[in-house]
């Protein structure tokens, strides 16, 4: 973890690189097992995870073609996160 002291001793270029690194990490999808044994996926929806049990993820994965088709069929009515 980078401390405030570390940041104050960095050059401008190093600070820019650090900001880019943090932005990349923020947008990266990562997984964690929750306290209740579910799979939490971070990096999809703001700062909160999307959490489902393994069998629920398996059902979604099985339906991935149908989900893609639904999105394509309804593209005009769908919005994206801002």
PDB file of N, CA and C in Angstrom:
ATOM      1  N   UNK A   1       0.844  -1.180   0.000  1.00  0.00           N
ATOM      2  CA  UNK A   1       0.000   0.000   0.000  1.00  0.00           C
ATOM      3  C   UNK A   1       0.883   1.234   0.000  1.00  0.00           C
ATOM      4  N   UNK A   2       0.485   2.212  -0.770  1.00  0.00           N
ATOM      5  CA  UNK A   2       1.242   3.450  -0.875  1.00  0.00           C
ATOM      6  C   UNK A   2       0.793   4.403   0.223  1.00  0.00           C
ATOM      7  N   UNK A   3       1.758   4.965   0.936  1.00  0.00           N
ATOM      8  CA  UNK A   3       1.436   5.905   2.004  1.00  0.00           C
ATOM      9  C   UNK A   3       1.492   7.329   1.476  1.00  0.00           C
ATOM     10  N   UNK A   4       0.984   8.262   2.271  1.00  0.00           N
ATOM     11  CA  UNK A   4       1.038   9.672   1.905  1.00  0.00           C
ATOM     12  C   UNK A   4       2.481  10.132   1.773  1.00  0.00           C
ATOM     13  N   UNK A   5       3.338   9.649   2.633  1.00  0.00           N
ATOM     14  CA  UNK A   5       4.760  10.001   2.561  1.00  0.00           C
ATOM     15  C   UNK A   5       5.368   9.521   1.241  1.00  0.00           C
ATOM     16  N   UNK A   6       4.983   8.319   0.804  1.00  0.00           N
ATOM     17  CA  UNK A   6       5.457   7.818  -0.481  1.00  0.00           C
ATOM     18  C   UNK A   6       5.017   8.737  -1.618  1.00  0.00           C
ATOM     19  N   UNK A   7       3.758   9.165  -1.571  1.00  0.00           N
ATOM     20  CA  UNK A   7       3.225  10.016  -2.636  1.00  0.00           C
ATOM     21  C   UNK A   7       3.914  11.376  -2.687  1.00  0.00           C
ATOM     22  N   UNK A   8       4.202  11.948  -1.525  1.00  0.00           N
ATOM     23  CA  UNK A   8       4.818  13.284  -1.505  1.00  0.00           C
ATOM     24  C   UNK A   8       6.257  13.258  -1.993  1.00  0.00           C
ATOM     25  N   UNK A   9       6.880  12.094  -1.971  1.00  0.00           N
ATOM     26  CA  UNK A   9       8.270  12.004  -2.434  1.00  0.00           C
ATOM     27  C   UNK A   9       8.378  11.615  -3.914  1.00  0.00           C
ATOM     28  N   UNK A  10       7.231  11.396  -4.578  1.00  0.00           N
ATOM     29  CA  UNK A  10       7.248  10.980  -5.983  1.00  0.00           C
ATOM     30  C   UNK A  10       7.354  12.182  -6.915  1.00  0.00           C
ATOM     31  N   UNK A  11       7.969  11.928  -8.059  1.00  0.00           N
ATOM     32  CA  UNK A  11       8.028  12.956  -9.100  1.00  0.00           C
ATOM     33  C   UNK A  11       6.658  13.047  -9.781  1.00  0.00           C
ATOM     34  N   UNK A  12       6.497  14.076 -10.584  1.00  0.00           N
ATOM     35  CA  UNK A  12       5.249  14.254 -11.328  1.00  0.00           C
ATOM     36  C   UNK A  12       4.950  13.033 -12.201  1.00  0.00           C
ATOM     37  N   UNK A  13       5.938  12.557 -12.917  1.00  0.00           N
ATOM     38  CA  UNK A  13       5.756  11.391 -13.788  1.00  0.00           C
ATOM     39  C   UNK A  13       5.394  10.143 -12.980  1.00  0.00           C
ATOM     40  N   UNK A  14       6.001   9.996 -11.818  1.00  0.00           N
ATOM     41  CA  UNK A  14       5.685   8.844 -10.967  1.00  0.00           C
ATOM     42  C   UNK A  14       4.248   8.929 -10.448  1.00  0.00           C
ATOM     43  N   UNK A  15       3.807  10.146 -10.118  1.00  0.00           N
ATOM     44  CA  UNK A  15       2.432  10.328  -9.652  1.00  0.00           C
ATOM     45  C   UNK A  15       1.422  10.008 -10.756  1.00  0.00           C
ATOM     46  N   UNK A  16       1.716  10.459 -11.968  1.00  0.00           N
ATOM     47  CA  UNK A  16       0.842  10.157 -13.097  1.00  0.00           C
ATOM     48  C   UNK A  16       0.769   8.646 -13.313  1.00  0.00           C
ATOM     49  N   UNK A  17       1.909   7.971 -13.234  1.00  0.00           N
ATOM     50  CA  UNK A  17       1.942   6.520 -13.401  1.00  0.00           C
ATOM     51  C   UNK A  17       1.129   5.838 -12.301  1.00  0.00           C
ATOM     52  N   UNK A  18       1.215   6.339 -11.084  1.00  0.00           N
ATOM     53  CA  UNK A  18       0.473   5.767  -9.960  1.00  0.00           C
ATOM     54  C   UNK A  18      -1.032   5.937 -10.161  1.00  0.00           C
ATOM     55  N   UNK A  19      -1.443   7.112 -10.634  1.00  0.00           N
ATOM     56  CA  UNK A  19      -2.865   7.357 -10.897  1.00  0.00           C
ATOM     57  C   UNK A  19      -3.370   6.391 -11.962  1.00  0.00           C
ATOM     58  N   UNK A  20      -2.598   6.211 -13.018  1.00  0.00           N
ATOM     59  CA  UNK A  20      -2.995   5.274 -14.080  1.00  0.00           C
ATOM     60  C   UNK A  20      -3.092   3.844 -13.539  1.00  0.00           C
ATOM     61  N   UNK A  21      -2.157   3.476 -12.685  1.00  0.00           N
ATOM     62  CA  UNK A  21      -2.173   2.135 -12.074  1.00  0.00           C
ATOM     63  C   UNK A  21      -3.428   1.943 -11.225  1.00  0.00           C
ATOM     64  N   UNK A  22      -3.784   2.959 -10.442  1.00  0.00           N
ATOM     65  CA  UNK A  22      -4.974   2.874  -9.594  1.00  0.00           C
ATOM     66  C   UNK A  22      -6.254   2.826 -10.424  1.00  0.00           C
ATOM     67  N   UNK A  23      -6.303   3.599 -11.504  1.00  0.00           N
ATOM     68  CA  UNK A  23      -7.472   3.569 -12.385  1.00  0.00           C
ATOM     69  C   UNK A  23      -7.630   2.197 -13.031  1.00  0.00           C
ATOM     70  N   UNK A  24      -6.524   1.603 -13.445  1.00  0.00           N
ATOM     71  CA  UNK A  24      -6.579   0.273 -14.057  1.00  0.00           C
ATOM     72  C   UNK A  24      -7.061  -0.764 -13.042  1.00  0.00           C
ATOM     73  N   UNK A  25      -6.576  -0.664 -11.811  1.00  0.00           N
ATOM     74  CA  UNK A  25      -6.975  -1.608 -10.764  1.00  0.00           C
ATOM     75  C   UNK A  25      -8.455  -1.442 -10.433  1.00  0.00           C
ATOM     76  N   UNK A  26      -8.944  -0.209 -10.477  1.00  0.00           N
ATOM     77  CA  UNK A  26     -10.348   0.058 -10.164  1.00  0.00           C
ATOM     78  C   UNK A  26     -11.260  -0.603 -11.187  1.00  0.00           C
ATOM     79  N   UNK A  27     -10.860  -0.631 -12.434  1.00  0.00           N
ATOM     80  CA  UNK A  27     -11.680  -1.182 -13.503  1.00  0.00           C
ATOM     81  C   UNK A  27     -11.487  -2.685 -13.703  1.00  0.00           C
ATOM     82  N   UNK A  28     -10.570  -3.265 -12.980  1.00  0.00           N
ATOM     83  CA  UNK A  28     -10.284  -4.682 -13.128  1.00  0.00           C
ATOM     84  C   UNK A  28     -11.350  -5.511 -12.393  1.00  0.00           C
ATOM     85  N   UNK A  29     -11.833  -6.540 -13.049  1.00  0.00           N
ATOM     86  CA  UNK A  29     -12.801  -7.438 -12.433  1.00  0.00           C
ATOM     87  C   UNK A  29     -12.037  -8.420 -11.554  1.00  0.00           C
ATOM     88  N   UNK A  30     -12.490  -8.557 -10.309  1.00  0.00           N
ATOM     89  CA  UNK A  30     -11.825  -9.491  -9.401  1.00  0.00           C
ATOM     90  C   UNK A  30     -12.881 -10.263  -8.606  1.00  0.00           C
ATOM     91  N   UNK A  31     -12.490 -11.408  -8.108  1.00  0.00           N
ATOM     92  CA  UNK A  31     -13.414 -12.327  -7.461  1.00  0.00           C
ATOM     93  C   UNK A  31     -12.999 -12.577  -6.018  1.00  0.00           C
ATOM     94  N   UNK A  32     -14.007 -12.860  -5.199  1.00  0.00           N
ATOM     95  CA  UNK A  32     -13.753 -13.155  -3.792  1.00  0.00           C
ATOM     96  C   UNK A  32     -14.861 -14.088  -3.292  1.00  0.00           C
ATOM     97  N   UNK A  33     -14.505 -14.990  -2.394  1.00  0.00           N
ATOM     98  CA  UNK A  33     -15.512 -15.829  -1.745  1.00  0.00           C
ATOM     99  C   UNK A  33     -16.036 -15.044  -0.547  1.00  0.00           C
ATOM    100  N   UNK A  34     -17.341 -14.854  -0.490  1.00  0.00           N
ATOM    101  CA  UNK A  34     -17.947 -14.087   0.596  1.00  0.00           C
ATOM    102  C   UNK A  34     -17.950 -14.901   1.888  1.00  0.00           C
ATOM    103  N   UNK A  35     -18.318 -14.239   2.976  1.00  0.00           N
ATOM    104  CA  UNK A  35     -18.383 -14.910   4.276  1.00  0.00           C
ATOM    105  C   UNK A  35     -19.392 -16.059   4.270  1.00  0.00           C
ATOM    106  N   UNK A  36     -20.425 -15.940   3.433  1.00  0.00           N
ATOM    107  CA  UNK A  36     -21.459 -16.976   3.365  1.00  0.00           C
ATOM    108  C   UNK A  36     -21.170 -18.024   2.296  1.00  0.00           C
ATOM    109  N   UNK A  37     -20.001 -17.938   1.654  1.00  0.00           N
ATOM    110  CA  UNK A  37     -19.620 -18.944   0.677  1.00  0.00           C
ATOM    111  C   UNK A  37     -20.097 -18.665  -0.732  1.00  0.00           C
ATOM    112  N   UNK A  38     -20.525 -17.447  -1.003  1.00  0.00           N
ATOM    113  CA  UNK A  38     -20.954 -17.082  -2.350  1.00  0.00           C
ATOM    114  C   UNK A  38     -19.760 -16.490  -3.110  1.00  0.00           C
ATOM    115  N   UNK A  39     -19.939 -16.294  -4.407  1.00  0.00           N
ATOM    116  CA  UNK A  39     -18.903 -15.690  -5.243  1.00  0.00           C
ATOM    117  C   UNK A  39     -19.256 -14.225  -5.443  1.00  0.00           C
ATOM    118  N   UNK A  40     -18.387 -13.336  -4.969  1.00  0.00           N
ATOM    119  CA  UNK A  40     -18.575 -11.901  -5.161  1.00  0.00           C
ATOM    120  C   UNK A  40     -17.656 -11.434  -6.272  1.00  0.00           C
ATOM    121  N   UNK A  41     -18.215 -10.667  -7.201  1.00  0.00           N
ATOM    122  CA  UNK A  41     -17.448 -10.119  -8.319  1.00  0.00           C
ATOM    123  C   UNK A  41     -17.394  -8.614  -8.157  1.00  0.00           C
ATOM    124  N   UNK A  42     -16.183  -8.096  -8.026  1.00  0.00           N
ATOM    125  CA  UNK A  42     -15.968  -6.662  -7.873  1.00  0.00           C
ATOM    126  C   UNK A  42     -15.525  -6.072  -9.199  1.00  0.00           C
ATOM    127  N   UNK A  43     -15.829  -4.799  -9.415  1.00  0.00           N
ATOM    128  CA  UNK A  43     -15.388  -4.112 -10.622  1.00  0.00           C
ATOM    129  C   UNK A  43     -16.443  -4.070 -11.712  1.00  0.00           C
ATOM    130  N   UNK A  44     -17.646  -4.530 -11.410  1.00  0.00           N
ATOM    131  CA  UNK A  44     -18.722  -4.505 -12.395  1.00  0.00           C
ATOM    132  C   UNK A  44     -19.690  -3.369 -12.089  1.00  0.00           C
ATOM    133  N   UNK A  45     -20.063  -3.240 -10.842  1.00  0.00           N
ATOM    134  CA  UNK A  45     -21.100  -2.289 -10.442  1.00  0.00           C
ATOM    135  C   UNK A  45     -20.579  -1.388  -9.336  1.00  0.00           C
ATOM    136  N   UNK A  46     -20.178  -0.191  -9.686  1.00  0.00           N
ATOM    137  CA  UNK A  46     -19.659   0.808  -8.753  1.00  0.00           C
ATOM    138  C   UNK A  46     -18.713   0.168  -7.736  1.00  0.00           C
ATOM    139  N   UNK A  47     -18.888   0.473  -6.491  1.00  0.00           N
ATOM    140  CA  UNK A  47     -17.979  -0.079  -5.478  1.00  0.00           C
ATOM    141  C   UNK A  47     -18.516  -1.329  -4.799  1.00  0.00           C
ATOM    142  N   UNK A  48     -19.730  -1.702  -5.140  1.00  0.00           N
ATOM    143  CA  UNK A  48     -20.343  -2.864  -4.512  1.00  0.00           C
ATOM    144  C   UNK A  48     -20.222  -4.087  -5.415  1.00  0.00           C
ATOM    145  N   UNK A  49     -20.048  -5.261  -4.821  1.00  0.00           N
ATOM    146  CA  UNK A  49     -19.910  -6.468  -5.635  1.00  0.00           C
ATOM    147  C   UNK A  49     -21.259  -6.985  -6.111  1.00  0.00           C
ATOM    148  N   UNK A  50     -21.222  -7.783  -7.144  1.00  0.00           N
ATOM    149  CA  UNK A  50     -22.364  -8.593  -7.548  1.00  0.00           C
ATOM    150  C   UNK A  50     -22.084  -9.962  -6.936  1.00  0.00           C
ATOM    151  N   UNK A  51     -22.981 -10.419  -6.075  1.00  0.00           N
ATOM    152  CA  UNK A  51     -22.739 -11.653  -5.327  1.00  0.00           C
ATOM    153  C   UNK A  51     -23.842 -12.669  -5.592  1.00  0.00           C
ATOM    154  N   UNK A  52     -23.426 -13.833  -6.045  1.00  0.00           N
ATOM    155  CA  UNK A  52     -24.338 -14.962  -6.258  1.00  0.00           C
ATOM    156  C   UNK A  52     -23.640 -16.233  -5.780  1.00  0.00           C
ATOM    157  N   UNK A  53     -24.435 -17.245  -5.458  1.00  0.00           N
ATOM    158  CA  UNK A  53     -23.860 -18.532  -5.108  1.00  0.00           C
ATOM    159  C   UNK A  53     -23.391 -19.232  -6.381  1.00  0.00           C
ATOM    160  N   UNK A  54     -22.489 -20.185  -6.232  1.00  0.00           N
ATOM    161  CA  UNK A  54     -21.874 -20.856  -7.378  1.00  0.00           C
ATOM    162  C   UNK A  54     -22.916 -21.417  -8.338  1.00  0.00           C
ATOM    163  N   UNK A  55     -23.969 -22.049  -7.806  1.00  0.00           N
ATOM    164  CA  UNK A  55     -24.990 -22.613  -8.690  1.00  0.00           C
ATOM    165  C   UNK A  55     -25.718 -21.524  -9.479  1.00  0.00           C
ATOM    166  N   UNK A  56     -25.861 -20.333  -8.899  1.00  0.00           N
ATOM    167  CA  UNK A  56     -26.504 -19.231  -9.606  1.00  0.00           C
ATOM    168  C   UNK A  56     -25.600 -18.715 -10.736  1.00  0.00           C
ATOM    169  N   UNK A  57     -24.293 -18.620 -10.460  1.00  0.00           N
ATOM    170  CA  UNK A  57     -23.351 -18.224 -11.518  1.00  0.00           C
ATOM    171  C   UNK A  57     -23.365 -19.253 -12.638  1.00  0.00           C
ATOM    172  N   UNK A  58     -23.432 -20.531 -12.286  1.00  0.00           N
ATOM    173  CA  UNK A  58     -23.452 -21.592 -13.299  1.00  0.00           C
ATOM    174  C   UNK A  58     -24.688 -21.477 -14.184  1.00  0.00           C
ATOM    175  N   UNK A  59     -25.839 -21.153 -13.585  1.00  0.00           N
ATOM    176  CA  UNK A  59     -27.063 -20.961 -14.372  1.00  0.00           C
ATOM    177  C   UNK A  59     -26.904 -19.780 -15.329  1.00  0.00           C
ATOM    178  N   UNK A  60     -26.317 -18.682 -14.844  1.00  0.00           N
ATOM    179  CA  UNK A  60     -26.094 -17.529 -15.719  1.00  0.00           C
ATOM    180  C   UNK A  60     -25.130 -17.867 -16.848  1.00  0.00           C
ATOM    181  N   UNK A  61     -24.054 -18.552 -16.525  1.00  0.00           N
ATOM    182  CA  UNK A  61     -23.084 -18.924 -17.553  1.00  0.00           C
ATOM    183  C   UNK A  61     -23.712 -19.835 -18.603  1.00  0.00           C
ATOM    184  N   UNK A  62     -24.572 -20.723 -18.182  1.00  0.00           N
ATOM    185  CA  UNK A  62     -25.267 -21.601 -19.117  1.00  0.00           C
ATOM    186  C   UNK A  62     -26.170 -20.786 -20.054  1.00  0.00           C
ATOM    187  N   UNK A  63     -26.687 -19.685 -19.549  1.00  0.00           N
ATOM    188  CA  UNK A  63     -27.594 -18.840 -20.329  1.00  0.00           C
ATOM    189  C   UNK A  63     -26.865 -17.713 -21.059  1.00  0.00           C
ATOM    190  N   UNK A  64     -25.547 -17.766 -21.133  1.00  0.00           N
ATOM    191  CA  UNK A  64     -24.790 -16.638 -21.693  1.00  0.00           C
ATOM    192  C   UNK A  64     -25.173 -16.315 -23.139  1.00  0.00           C
ATOM    193  N   UNK A  65     -25.419 -17.321 -23.962  1.00  0.00           N
ATOM    194  CA  UNK A  65     -25.836 -17.067 -25.344  1.00  0.00           C
ATOM    195  C   UNK A  65     -27.187 -16.346 -25.380  1.00  0.00           C
ATOM    196  N   UNK A  66     -28.110 -16.781 -24.530  1.00  0.00           N
ATOM    197  CA  UNK A  66     -29.431 -16.145 -24.475  1.00  0.00           C
ATOM    198  C   UNK A  66     -29.322 -14.703 -23.969  1.00  0.00           C
ATOM    199  N   UNK A  67     -28.432 -14.469 -23.012  1.00  0.00           N
ATOM    200  CA  UNK A  67     -28.235 -13.110 -22.498  1.00  0.00           C
ATOM    201  C   UNK A  67     -27.665 -12.213 -23.592  1.00  0.00           C
ATOM    202  N   UNK A  68     -26.671 -12.706 -24.318  1.00  0.00           N
ATOM    203  CA  UNK A  68     -26.087 -11.923 -25.422  1.00  0.00           C
ATOM    204  C   UNK A  68     -27.136 -11.616 -26.487  1.00  0.00           C
ATOM    205  N   UNK A  69     -27.963 -12.605 -26.823  1.00  0.00           N
ATOM    206  CA  UNK A  69     -29.023 -12.396 -27.817  1.00  0.00           C
ATOM    207  C   UNK A  69     -30.027 -11.372 -27.318  1.00  0.00           C
ATOM    208  N   UNK A  70     -30.413 -11.472 -26.063  1.00  0.00           N
ATOM    209  CA  UNK A  70     -31.369 -10.518 -25.485  1.00  0.00           C
ATOM    210  C   UNK A  70     -30.812  -9.099 -25.555  1.00  0.00           C
ATOM    211  N   UNK A  71     -29.539  -8.931 -25.204  1.00  0.00           N
ATOM    212  CA  UNK A  71     -28.912  -7.612 -25.257  1.00  0.00           C
ATOM    213  C   UNK A  71     -28.883  -7.096 -26.691  1.00  0.00           C
ATOM    214  N   UNK A  72     -28.512  -7.951 -27.633  1.00  0.00           N
ATOM    215  CA  UNK A  72     -28.473  -7.542 -29.041  1.00  0.00           C
ATOM    216  C   UNK A  72     -29.869  -7.175 -29.538  1.00  0.00           C
ATOM    217  N   UNK A  73     -30.870  -7.976 -29.185  1.00  0.00           N
ATOM    218  CA  UNK A  73     -32.245  -7.732 -29.634  1.00  0.00           C
ATOM    219  C   UNK A  73     -32.835  -6.458 -29.031  1.00  0.00           C
ATOM    220  N   UNK A  74     -32.370  -6.084 -27.857  1.00  0.00           N
ATOM    221  CA  UNK A  74     -32.923  -4.939 -27.137  1.00  0.00           C
ATOM    222  C   UNK A  74     -31.943  -3.768 -27.035  1.00  0.00           C
ATOM    223  N   UNK A  75     -30.936  -3.787 -27.880  1.00  0.00           N
ATOM    224  CA  UNK A  75     -29.862  -2.788 -27.815  1.00  0.00           C
ATOM    225  C   UNK A  75     -30.380  -1.356 -27.790  1.00  0.00           C
ATOM    226  N   UNK A  76     -31.357  -1.052 -28.623  1.00  0.00           N
ATOM    227  CA  UNK A  76     -31.863   0.326 -28.717  1.00  0.00           C
ATOM    228  C   UNK A  76     -32.517   0.813 -27.419  1.00  0.00           C
ATOM    229  N   UNK A  77     -33.095  -0.073 -26.656  1.00  0.00           N
ATOM    230  CA  UNK A  77     -33.757   0.314 -25.427  1.00  0.00           C
ATOM    231  C   UNK A  77     -32.882   0.251 -24.195  1.00  0.00           C
ATOM    232  N   UNK A  78     -31.671  -0.229 -24.339  1.00  0.00           N
ATOM    233  CA  UNK A  78     -30.771  -0.380 -23.191  1.00  0.00           C
ATOM    234  C   UNK A  78     -29.848   0.820 -23.057  1.00  0.00           C
ATOM    235  N   UNK A  79     -29.499   1.134 -21.827  1.00  0.00           N
ATOM    236  CA  UNK A  79     -28.515   2.194 -21.593  1.00  0.00           C
ATOM    237  C   UNK A  79     -27.284   1.576 -20.958  1.00  0.00           C
ATOM    238  N   UNK A  80     -26.211   2.331 -20.944  1.00  0.00           N
ATOM    239  CA  UNK A  80     -24.979   1.874 -20.317  1.00  0.00           C
ATOM    240  C   UNK A  80     -24.710   2.702 -19.078  1.00  0.00           C
ATOM    241  N   UNK A  81     -23.929   2.128 -18.188  1.00  0.00           N
ATOM    242  CA  UNK A  81     -23.571   2.834 -16.958  1.00  0.00           C
ATOM    243  C   UNK A  81     -22.741   4.061 -17.308  1.00  0.00           C
ATOM    244  N   UNK A  82     -22.985   5.109 -16.616  1.00  0.00           N
ATOM    245  CA  UNK A  82     -22.269   6.371 -16.856  1.00  0.00           C
ATOM    246  C   UNK A  82     -21.228   6.622 -15.820  1.00  0.00           C
TER     247      UNK A  82
END
